[in-house]
């Protein structure tokens, strides 16, 4: 009986460690997915900005051509 109590306590503490590790791994996976989504969002925004810039440059060039005529 004297040996059973320390064993039960050790197993209980080990179970807490497993739960903590699982929780940390889950949180890490959530953050990884958030970062992945943020990168995709940033890339999409970057593409839209580049397209908008290109359109502005094209309009400016057309305006210059019309002004020369």
C-alpha atoms as a PDB file:
ATOM      1  CA  UNK A   1       0.000   0.000   0.000  1.00  0.00           C
ATOM      2  CA  UNK A   2       2.861   2.360   0.835  1.00  0.00           C
ATOM      3  CA  UNK A   3       4.308   1.837  -2.649  1.00  0.00           C
ATOM      4  CA  UNK A   4       0.962   2.179  -4.400  1.00  0.00           C
ATOM      5  CA  UNK A   5       0.380   5.765  -3.273  1.00  0.00           C
ATOM      6  CA  UNK A   6       3.601   7.176  -4.782  1.00  0.00           C
ATOM      7  CA  UNK A   7       2.885   5.229  -7.960  1.00  0.00           C
ATOM      8  CA  UNK A   8      -0.634   6.667  -8.204  1.00  0.00           C
ATOM      9  CA  UNK A   9       0.717  10.178  -7.553  1.00  0.00           C
ATOM     10  CA  UNK A  10       3.431   9.739 -10.177  1.00  0.00           C
ATOM     11  CA  UNK A  11       0.908   8.527 -12.739  1.00  0.00           C
ATOM     12  CA  UNK A  12      -1.405  11.418 -11.942  1.00  0.00           C
ATOM     13  CA  UNK A  13       1.374  13.930 -12.430  1.00  0.00           C
ATOM     14  CA  UNK A  14       2.424  12.246 -15.661  1.00  0.00           C
ATOM     15  CA  UNK A  15      -1.145  12.466 -16.929  1.00  0.00           C
ATOM     16  CA  UNK A  16      -1.147  16.202 -16.200  1.00  0.00           C
ATOM     17  CA  UNK A  17       2.026  16.546 -18.241  1.00  0.00           C
ATOM     18  CA  UNK A  18       0.464  14.724 -21.163  1.00  0.00           C
ATOM     19  CA  UNK A  19      -2.592  16.963 -21.017  1.00  0.00           C
ATOM     20  CA  UNK A  20      -0.393  20.067 -20.908  1.00  0.00           C
ATOM     21  CA  UNK A  21       1.666  18.862 -23.858  1.00  0.00           C
ATOM     22  CA  UNK A  22      -1.472  18.073 -25.846  1.00  0.00           C
ATOM     23  CA  UNK A  23      -2.920  21.498 -25.105  1.00  0.00           C
ATOM     24  CA  UNK A  24       0.328  23.195 -26.129  1.00  0.00           C
ATOM     25  CA  UNK A  25       0.489  21.183 -29.349  1.00  0.00           C
ATOM     26  CA  UNK A  26      -3.107  22.103 -30.177  1.00  0.00           C
ATOM     27  CA  UNK A  27      -2.434  25.786 -29.526  1.00  0.00           C
ATOM     28  CA  UNK A  28       0.674  25.607 -31.685  1.00  0.00           C
ATOM     29  CA  UNK A  29      -1.280  24.036 -34.546  1.00  0.00           C
ATOM     30  CA  UNK A  30      -3.937  26.753 -34.301  1.00  0.00           C
ATOM     31  CA  UNK A  31      -1.247  29.459 -34.456  1.00  0.00           C
ATOM     32  CA  UNK A  32       0.410  27.729 -37.417  1.00  0.00           C
ATOM     33  CA  UNK A  33      -2.881  27.738 -39.312  1.00  0.00           C
ATOM     34  CA  UNK A  34      -3.463  31.392 -38.427  1.00  0.00           C
ATOM     35  CA  UNK A  35      -0.007  32.286 -39.752  1.00  0.00           C
ATOM     36  CA  UNK A  36      -0.631  30.325 -42.935  1.00  0.00           C
ATOM     37  CA  UNK A  37      -3.930  32.145 -43.479  1.00  0.00           C
ATOM     38  CA  UNK A  38      -2.302  35.495 -42.730  1.00  0.00           C
ATOM     39  CA  UNK A  39       0.361  34.797 -45.364  1.00  0.00           C
ATOM     40  CA  UNK A  40      -2.319  33.959 -47.925  1.00  0.00           C
ATOM     41  CA  UNK A  41      -4.222  37.124 -47.059  1.00  0.00           C
ATOM     42  CA  UNK A  42      -1.061  39.201 -47.326  1.00  0.00           C
ATOM     43  CA  UNK A  43      -0.231  37.690 -50.736  1.00  0.00           C
ATOM     44  CA  UNK A  44      -3.749  38.396 -52.012  1.00  0.00           C
ATOM     45  CA  UNK A  45      -3.536  42.010 -50.790  1.00  0.00           C
ATOM     46  CA  UNK A  46      -0.119  42.389 -52.387  1.00  0.00           C
ATOM     47  CA  UNK A  47      -1.458  41.146 -55.724  1.00  0.00           C
ATOM     48  CA  UNK A  48      -4.413  43.551 -55.560  1.00  0.00           C
ATOM     49  CA  UNK A  49      -2.076  46.458 -54.821  1.00  0.00           C
ATOM     50  CA  UNK A  50       0.174  45.502 -57.726  1.00  0.00           C
ATOM     51  CA  UNK A  51      -2.821  45.245 -60.066  1.00  0.00           C
ATOM     52  CA  UNK A  52      -4.129  48.605 -58.897  1.00  0.00           C
ATOM     53  CA  UNK A  53      -0.719  50.197 -59.365  1.00  0.00           C
ATOM     54  CA  UNK A  54      -0.437  48.747 -62.863  1.00  0.00           C
ATOM     55  CA  UNK A  55      -3.885  50.055 -63.792  1.00  0.00           C
ATOM     56  CA  UNK A  56      -3.000  53.509 -62.468  1.00  0.00           C
ATOM     57  CA  UNK A  57       0.196  53.537 -64.513  1.00  0.00           C
ATOM     58  CA  UNK A  58      -1.687  52.480 -67.634  1.00  0.00           C
ATOM     59  CA  UNK A  59      -4.308  55.205 -67.106  1.00  0.00           C
ATOM     60  CA  UNK A  60      -1.592  57.799 -66.575  1.00  0.00           C
ATOM     61  CA  UNK A  61       0.116  56.707 -69.788  1.00  0.00           C
ATOM     62  CA  UNK A  62      -3.170  56.924 -71.693  1.00  0.00           C
ATOM     63  CA  UNK A  63      -3.835  60.375 -70.251  1.00  0.00           C
ATOM     64  CA  UNK A  64      -0.351  61.525 -71.350  1.00  0.00           C
ATOM     65  CA  UNK A  65      -0.943  60.183 -74.872  1.00  0.00           C
ATOM     66  CA  UNK A  66      -4.280  62.001 -75.128  1.00  0.00           C
ATOM     67  CA  UNK A  67      -2.685  65.218 -73.874  1.00  0.00           C
ATOM     68  CA  UNK A  68      -0.028  65.009 -76.606  1.00  0.00           C
ATOM     69  CA  UNK A  69      -2.652  64.641 -79.341  1.00  0.00           C
END
